[in-house]
Amino acid sequence: MRTIGVEEELMLVDAAGERSVPHGPAVIEQAADGGDHPVEHEFKREQVEIGSEPVTDLRQLRSDLAALRARAAEAARARGATIVAIATSPWKLSPQSTPDERYLTMVEEFGLLAREQLTCGQHVHVSIESRAEGVAVLDRIRGWLPVLVALSANSPFWQGQDTGYSSFRSVLWGRWPSAGPVDVFGSEAAYDRAVAELITAGAALDEAMIYFDARLSSRYPTVEIRVADVCTEVEDAVLLAALARAMVETAAQRWRAGAPTPQAATGLLRAASWRAARWGMRRTLVDPRSGRPVPAWSLVDELVTLLRPALVSSGDVEVVCAAMRRLRQQGTGADRQRAAYAGSQSLAVVVRDAGRRTLGA
């Protein structure tokens, strides 16, 4: 069975939930006192990153993520702060870059784009048998990735206002010149050539700045799916991981069976990603097969049907179906943030509510 691992970027806020705080380095130092390093620095001082170990069991993944979040929150509390799993900071602020040579170079090279960047995503690593299989998977899952954007949407507020988007993080992230959907590669050589061309052109400093919606990891034998907003509830994070694994397994099986590679145009995928970011699950999504808008939940149901053999094989089908029912009833993270704001007209209330849910309270 394929392993899955999840990386989560988390926002640091003051204890009252009224502003982001640049305590990342101090929180990481505090977390390291226990002898291990479950909390790592990120591009901006107002955030930290946690990463689970690769596992096969969804229950273990949920337990690991909950424990890592608790550890990060404990370290933050020691510095008068807390963590919250939201994908954009809702307040007006000028984020501070972590004093790392590479990050400072990014700011120098990419200007305002890099200075403004403060977003939190969820990255899912799914194991692969070879790079050849990985490239084949990338070519076959690209059309369905906007569905993951819509399901994970958790960033309606930015710079003190409601953006009108469900995942404004996706819009901000898409400004990077190496980000977004990509063409079908067809081979390892073509993938490597595309990466090398972007680095040579100065669109990325190195492989770590290849921000494709999904890519081959440069560190692990995995496909890394990078489109999702960080999810406030751990259950939603686990759902996204389960879907990602099933997408990879289904794509790999079709590749081995010699099925043709879907050839959706990259422009269509950009439009589909935009629509997913704009509306989340509230209206329609673009069907990657027809290119036409369809009801969002209908397309999700079709995706789950497509993935069902892989979900059954991994023992994940019941967990996924239950999590989908819950998400459909309660709404996405963006829906819940807006509901909290509608009842209070306070961004602090939005953040405090998300903070409680981040830690399962």
Protein backbone atom coordinates (compact mmCIF):
# COMPACT_ATOMS: atom_id res chain seq x y z
CA MET A 1 0.00 0.00 0.00
CA ARG A 2 1.24 3.49 -0.78
CA THR A 3 2.37 5.63 2.12
CA ILE A 4 1.10 9.15 2.68
CA GLY A 5 2.63 12.03 4.58
CA VAL A 6 1.26 15.51 5.16
CA GLU A 7 3.01 18.84 5.59
CA GLU A 8 0.97 21.67 7.09
CA GLU A 9 1.85 25.37 7.25
CA LEU A 10 0.29 27.03 10.29
CA MET A 11 -0.29 30.69 11.14
CA LEU A 12 1.02 32.17 14.37
CA VAL A 13 -1.30 34.64 16.13
CA ASP A 14 -1.39 36.33 19.52
CA ALA A 15 -3.32 34.63 22.31
CA ALA A 16 -6.34 36.90 21.79
CA GLY A 17 -6.52 36.05 18.10
CA GLU A 18 -6.27 39.70 17.13
CA ARG A 19 -3.08 39.82 15.04
CA SER A 20 -0.42 37.67 13.42
CA VAL A 21 2.86 37.55 15.32
CA PRO A 22 6.40 37.00 13.95
CA HIS A 23 7.38 34.40 16.54
CA GLY A 24 8.28 31.55 14.18
CA PRO A 25 11.99 31.28 15.09
CA ALA A 26 11.23 31.41 18.83
CA VAL A 27 8.49 28.80 18.53
CA ILE A 28 10.80 26.47 16.64
CA GLU A 29 13.49 26.92 19.29
CA GLN A 30 10.95 26.15 22.01
CA ALA A 31 9.66 23.06 20.20
CA ALA A 32 13.21 21.73 19.77
CA ASP A 33 13.71 21.59 23.55
CA GLY A 34 12.02 18.18 23.62
CA GLY A 35 14.86 16.63 21.63
CA ASP A 36 13.16 16.27 18.26
CA HIS A 37 12.13 18.75 15.61
CA PRO A 38 8.43 18.43 14.77
CA VAL A 39 8.16 22.16 14.03
CA GLU A 40 10.15 23.84 11.24
CA HIS A 41 10.58 27.37 9.98
CA GLU A 42 8.83 28.68 6.89
CA PHE A 43 9.26 31.61 4.50
CA LYS A 44 7.67 34.09 6.92
CA ARG A 45 8.18 34.53 10.65
CA GLU A 46 4.40 34.55 11.16
CA GLN A 47 4.15 30.86 10.30
CA VAL A 48 5.63 27.45 11.07
CA GLU A 49 5.45 24.06 9.39
CA ILE A 50 4.76 20.58 10.71
CA GLY A 51 5.20 17.33 8.81
CA SER A 52 3.98 13.83 9.56
CA GLU A 53 5.97 10.66 9.04
CA PRO A 54 4.91 8.49 6.08
CA VAL A 55 2.16 6.07 7.13
CA THR A 56 -0.33 3.75 5.46
CA ASP A 57 -3.19 3.99 7.99
CA LEU A 58 -5.47 7.04 8.05
CA ARG A 59 -6.07 6.69 11.78
CA GLN A 60 -2.34 6.92 12.38
CA LEU A 61 -2.14 9.96 10.12
CA ARG A 62 -4.90 11.69 12.05
CA SER A 63 -3.23 10.90 15.36
CA ASP A 64 0.14 12.15 14.13
CA LEU A 65 -1.23 15.43 12.78
CA ALA A 66 -3.20 16.10 15.96
CA ALA A 67 -0.09 15.44 18.07
CA LEU A 68 2.08 17.67 15.88
CA ARG A 69 -0.44 20.48 16.04
CA ALA A 70 -0.59 20.14 19.82
CA ARG A 71 3.20 20.26 20.04
CA ALA A 72 3.34 23.39 17.91
CA ALA A 73 0.59 25.01 19.97
CA GLU A 74 2.42 24.19 23.21
CA ALA A 75 5.61 25.77 21.91
CA ALA A 76 3.68 28.83 20.72
CA ARG A 77 1.95 29.26 24.10
CA ALA A 78 5.33 29.45 25.77
CA ARG A 79 5.91 32.57 23.65
CA GLY A 80 2.50 34.09 24.28
CA ALA A 81 1.06 32.96 20.94
CA THR A 82 -1.00 30.18 19.44
CA ILE A 83 -1.39 28.40 16.10
CA VAL A 84 -4.32 28.50 13.73
CA ALA A 85 -4.82 26.47 10.56
CA ILE A 86 -6.10 29.10 8.15
CA ALA A 87 -4.60 29.66 4.72
CA THR A 88 -4.31 33.47 4.73
CA SER A 89 -3.89 35.98 7.53
CA PRO A 90 -7.09 38.07 7.61
CA TRP A 91 -5.53 41.27 8.94
CA LYS A 92 -3.66 44.04 7.22
CA LEU A 93 0.03 43.42 7.83
CA SER A 94 3.47 43.39 6.25
CA PRO A 95 4.85 39.91 6.93
CA GLN A 96 8.46 39.49 7.97
CA SER A 97 10.75 37.11 6.10
CA THR A 98 12.62 34.49 8.10
CA PRO A 99 16.29 35.57 8.29
CA ASP A 100 17.55 32.78 6.07
CA GLU A 101 19.90 33.45 3.17
CA ARG A 102 17.75 31.63 0.66
CA TYR A 103 14.57 33.41 1.74
CA LEU A 104 16.29 36.79 1.62
CA THR A 105 17.44 35.99 -1.92
CA MET A 106 13.85 35.17 -2.86
CA VAL A 107 12.73 38.58 -1.63
CA GLU A 108 15.52 40.28 -3.56
CA GLU A 109 14.72 38.41 -6.77
CA PHE A 110 10.92 38.45 -6.67
CA GLY A 111 10.19 41.79 -5.02
CA LEU A 112 6.70 42.63 -3.78
CA LEU A 113 5.41 39.19 -4.72
CA ALA A 114 7.76 37.66 -2.15
CA ARG A 115 7.36 40.45 0.41
CA GLU A 116 3.58 40.06 0.49
CA GLN A 117 3.62 36.25 0.49
CA LEU A 118 2.09 34.82 3.65
CA THR A 119 -0.05 31.79 2.88
CA CYS A 120 -0.49 28.38 4.46
CA GLY A 121 -1.02 25.26 2.40
CA GLN A 122 -1.27 21.51 2.86
CA HIS A 123 1.13 19.35 0.87
CA VAL A 124 0.44 15.63 0.53
CA HIS A 125 3.26 13.22 -0.28
CA VAL A 126 2.23 9.89 -1.81
CA SER A 127 4.85 7.21 -2.39
CA ILE A 128 5.70 6.06 -5.91
CA GLU A 129 7.64 3.08 -7.23
CA SER A 130 9.75 5.05 -9.69
CA ARG A 131 10.18 8.49 -11.22
CA ALA A 132 8.67 7.14 -14.44
CA GLU A 133 5.54 6.16 -12.53
CA GLY A 134 5.56 9.55 -10.82
CA VAL A 135 5.59 11.49 -14.09
CA ALA A 136 2.82 9.26 -15.45
CA VAL A 137 0.79 10.03 -12.33
CA LEU A 138 1.35 13.79 -12.68
CA ASP A 139 0.10 13.62 -16.27
CA ARG A 140 -3.08 11.80 -15.25
CA ILE A 141 -4.18 13.61 -12.06
CA ARG A 142 -3.76 17.19 -13.28
CA GLY A 143 -7.38 17.61 -14.40
CA TRP A 144 -8.82 16.64 -11.02
CA LEU A 145 -6.62 18.81 -8.79
CA PRO A 146 -9.03 21.80 -8.85
CA VAL A 147 -11.53 19.62 -6.97
CA LEU A 148 -9.04 19.43 -4.10
CA VAL A 149 -8.74 23.22 -4.18
CA ALA A 150 -12.50 23.54 -3.78
CA LEU A 151 -12.81 20.96 -1.00
CA SER A 152 -9.96 22.49 1.02
CA ALA A 153 -10.90 26.17 0.44
CA ASN A 154 -10.05 27.98 3.68
CA SER A 155 -8.90 31.52 2.88
CA PRO A 156 -11.71 34.02 2.24
CA PHE A 157 -10.15 36.95 4.15
CA TRP A 158 -6.99 38.88 3.28
CA GLN A 159 -5.67 42.32 4.22
CA GLY A 160 -8.71 43.10 6.36
CA GLN A 161 -11.43 42.28 3.85
CA ASP A 162 -13.54 39.49 2.42
CA THR A 163 -11.94 38.83 -0.96
CA GLY A 164 -15.01 37.19 -2.47
CA TYR A 165 -12.88 34.08 -2.99
CA SER A 166 -13.09 30.83 -1.07
CA SER A 167 -9.38 30.10 -1.57
CA PHE A 168 -7.64 33.42 -2.03
CA ARG A 169 -4.42 31.63 -1.08
CA SER A 170 -4.61 29.90 -4.46
CA VAL A 171 -4.77 33.26 -6.22
CA LEU A 172 -1.83 34.66 -4.26
CA TRP A 173 0.22 31.52 -4.74
CA GLY A 174 -0.50 31.51 -8.45
CA ARG A 175 1.51 34.72 -8.85
CA TRP A 176 4.77 32.78 -8.58
CA PRO A 177 6.10 32.19 -12.11
CA SER A 178 6.65 28.48 -11.50
CA ALA A 179 3.23 27.85 -9.91
CA GLY A 180 0.04 26.35 -11.21
CA PRO A 181 -1.09 23.70 -13.70
CA VAL A 182 1.41 22.35 -16.20
CA ASP A 183 1.34 20.65 -19.59
CA VAL A 184 1.46 16.87 -19.97
CA PHE A 185 5.11 15.81 -19.67
CA GLY A 186 5.07 12.34 -21.17
CA SER A 187 8.49 11.32 -19.84
CA GLU A 188 11.02 11.84 -17.09
CA ALA A 189 13.27 13.68 -19.52
CA ALA A 190 10.53 16.15 -20.41
CA TYR A 191 9.77 16.75 -16.72
CA ASP A 192 13.43 17.36 -15.92
CA ARG A 193 13.75 19.64 -18.92
CA ALA A 194 10.76 21.74 -17.81
CA VAL A 195 12.24 22.13 -14.33
CA ALA A 196 15.68 23.03 -15.70
CA GLU A 197 14.21 25.62 -18.08
CA LEU A 198 12.38 27.42 -15.29
CA ILE A 199 15.52 27.55 -13.14
CA THR A 200 17.66 28.72 -16.07
CA ALA A 201 15.11 31.42 -16.90
CA GLY A 202 15.19 32.70 -13.32
CA ALA A 203 11.58 31.79 -12.61
CA ALA A 204 12.81 29.62 -9.73
CA LEU A 205 16.01 29.68 -7.70
CA ASP A 206 16.18 25.90 -7.44
CA GLU A 207 14.05 22.74 -7.47
CA ALA A 208 12.47 23.68 -4.14
CA MET A 209 10.91 26.67 -5.90
CA ILE A 210 9.23 24.55 -8.56
CA TYR A 211 5.69 25.25 -7.43
CA PHE A 212 3.72 23.05 -9.84
CA ASP A 213 0.28 22.02 -8.56
CA ALA A 214 1.82 18.57 -8.22
CA ARG A 215 5.47 17.65 -8.62
CA LEU A 216 8.05 14.98 -8.02
CA SER A 217 9.56 15.58 -4.62
CA SER A 218 13.26 16.46 -4.75
CA ARG A 219 13.77 14.90 -1.30
CA TYR A 220 11.56 11.82 -1.16
CA PRO A 221 10.35 9.07 -3.55
CA THR A 222 6.92 10.68 -3.71
CA VAL A 223 4.50 12.68 -5.77
CA GLU A 224 3.80 15.87 -3.86
CA ILE A 225 0.32 17.36 -4.34
CA ARG A 226 0.43 21.03 -3.35
CA VAL A 227 -2.90 22.62 -4.31
CA ALA A 228 -4.81 22.46 -1.01
CA ASP A 229 -5.30 25.21 1.53
CA VAL A 230 -4.29 24.12 5.00
CA CYS A 231 -7.42 22.62 6.56
CA THR A 232 -8.65 23.83 9.95
CA GLU A 233 -10.04 20.46 11.03
CA VAL A 234 -7.69 17.49 11.10
CA GLU A 235 -10.48 15.35 9.64
CA ASP A 236 -10.49 17.46 6.49
CA ALA A 237 -6.71 17.20 6.20
CA VAL A 238 -7.00 13.41 6.40
CA LEU A 239 -9.76 13.42 3.78
CA LEU A 240 -7.54 15.35 1.35
CA ALA A 241 -4.68 12.93 1.99
CA ALA A 242 -6.90 9.91 1.36
CA LEU A 243 -8.18 11.37 -1.90
CA ALA A 244 -4.63 12.21 -2.99
CA ARG A 245 -3.45 8.65 -2.38
CA ALA A 246 -6.41 7.22 -4.27
CA MET A 247 -5.78 9.61 -7.18
CA VAL A 248 -2.15 8.51 -7.38
CA GLU A 249 -3.01 4.81 -7.20
CA THR A 250 -5.78 5.11 -9.80
CA ALA A 251 -3.52 7.05 -12.17
CA ALA A 252 -0.67 4.56 -11.74
CA GLN A 253 -2.99 1.62 -12.48
CA ARG A 254 -4.23 3.28 -15.66
CA TRP A 255 -0.67 3.97 -16.75
CA ARG A 256 0.33 0.35 -16.20
CA ALA A 257 -2.76 -0.78 -18.12
CA GLY A 258 -1.76 1.39 -21.09
CA ALA A 259 -4.80 3.70 -20.89
CA PRO A 260 -4.40 6.95 -22.85
CA THR A 261 -3.31 10.07 -21.02
CA PRO A 262 -6.05 12.72 -20.66
CA GLN A 263 -5.07 15.76 -22.70
CA ALA A 264 -6.98 18.61 -21.03
CA ALA A 265 -5.50 21.94 -22.11
CA THR A 266 -3.46 23.77 -19.50
CA GLY A 267 -5.52 26.90 -20.11
CA LEU A 268 -8.67 24.99 -19.22
CA LEU A 269 -7.03 23.74 -16.02
CA ARG A 270 -6.11 27.31 -15.07
CA ALA A 271 -9.74 28.32 -15.57
CA ALA A 272 -10.88 25.31 -13.52
CA SER A 273 -8.46 26.19 -10.72
CA TRP A 274 -9.66 29.79 -10.72
CA ARG A 275 -13.29 28.72 -10.49
CA ALA A 276 -12.50 26.35 -7.63
CA ALA A 277 -10.67 29.13 -5.79
CA ARG A 278 -13.47 31.62 -6.44
CA TRP A 279 -16.46 29.59 -5.29
CA GLY A 280 -15.14 26.57 -3.41
CA MET A 281 -18.01 24.11 -3.16
CA ARG A 282 -20.75 26.75 -3.33
CA ARG A 283 -21.55 26.71 -7.05
CA THR A 284 -20.01 24.83 -9.98
CA LEU A 285 -16.68 23.29 -10.86
CA VAL A 286 -15.25 22.57 -14.29
CA ASP A 287 -15.48 18.94 -15.37
CA PRO A 288 -11.98 18.11 -16.71
CA ARG A 289 -13.43 15.71 -19.27
CA SER A 290 -16.01 17.98 -20.89
CA GLY A 291 -14.61 21.39 -19.96
CA ARG A 292 -18.09 22.45 -18.83
CA PRO A 293 -19.24 23.77 -15.44
CA VAL A 294 -21.18 21.21 -13.41
CA PRO A 295 -22.60 21.31 -9.85
CA ALA A 296 -19.65 21.11 -7.47
CA TRP A 297 -20.90 18.23 -5.37
CA SER A 298 -21.90 16.25 -8.45
CA LEU A 299 -18.31 16.41 -9.69
CA VAL A 300 -17.01 15.39 -6.27
CA ASP A 301 -19.37 12.40 -6.30
CA GLU A 302 -18.04 11.43 -9.73
CA LEU A 303 -14.46 11.70 -8.49
CA VAL A 304 -15.19 9.46 -5.50
CA THR A 305 -16.82 6.93 -7.83
CA LEU A 306 -13.75 7.03 -10.08
CA LEU A 307 -11.47 6.50 -7.07
CA ARG A 308 -13.64 3.94 -5.31
CA PRO A 309 -11.62 0.81 -6.29
CA ALA A 310 -8.45 2.40 -4.92
CA LEU A 311 -10.28 3.59 -1.78
CA VAL A 312 -11.67 0.11 -1.18
CA SER A 313 -8.25 -1.45 -1.70
CA SER A 314 -6.65 0.85 0.87
CA GLY A 315 -9.53 0.47 3.33
CA ASP A 316 -10.30 4.18 3.13
CA VAL A 317 -13.73 4.25 1.52
CA GLU A 318 -15.78 4.49 4.73
CA VAL A 319 -13.58 7.22 6.18
CA VAL A 320 -13.76 9.22 2.96
CA CYS A 321 -17.53 8.90 2.61
CA ALA A 322 -18.10 9.89 6.24
CA ALA A 323 -15.76 12.86 5.92
CA MET A 324 -17.51 13.94 2.71
CA ARG A 325 -20.91 13.83 4.43
CA ARG A 326 -19.56 15.93 7.28
CA LEU A 327 -17.98 18.46 4.93
CA ARG A 328 -21.16 18.71 2.89
CA GLN A 329 -23.20 19.41 6.02
CA GLN A 330 -20.82 21.84 7.73
CA GLY A 331 -19.27 23.56 4.71
CA THR A 332 -15.66 24.23 3.81
CA GLY A 333 -13.25 26.13 5.99
CA ALA A 334 -14.06 29.29 4.03
CA ASP A 335 -17.79 28.77 4.64
CA ARG A 336 -17.20 28.40 8.37
CA GLN A 337 -14.94 31.45 8.54
CA ARG A 338 -17.61 33.54 6.82
CA ALA A 339 -20.31 32.17 9.13
CA ALA A 340 -18.23 33.16 12.17
CA TYR A 341 -17.75 36.64 10.75
CA ALA A 342 -21.45 37.05 9.87
CA GLY A 343 -22.39 36.38 13.48
CA SER A 344 -19.80 38.73 14.98
CA GLN A 345 -18.45 41.19 12.38
CA SER A 346 -15.08 40.45 14.01
CA LEU A 347 -12.02 38.91 12.40
CA ALA A 348 -10.72 38.09 15.87
CA VAL A 349 -13.78 35.91 16.46
CA VAL A 350 -13.13 34.19 13.12
CA VAL A 351 -9.55 33.44 14.12
CA ARG A 352 -10.39 32.31 17.66
CA ASP A 353 -13.06 29.95 16.31
CA ALA A 354 -10.59 28.53 13.79
CA GLY A 355 -7.96 28.24 16.51
CA ARG A 356 -10.26 26.09 18.65
CA ARG A 357 -11.08 23.85 15.72
CA THR A 358 -7.40 23.59 14.77
CA LEU A 359 -6.78 21.82 18.06
CA GLY A 360 -10.00 19.80 18.03
CA ALA A 361 -11.76 21.87 20.69
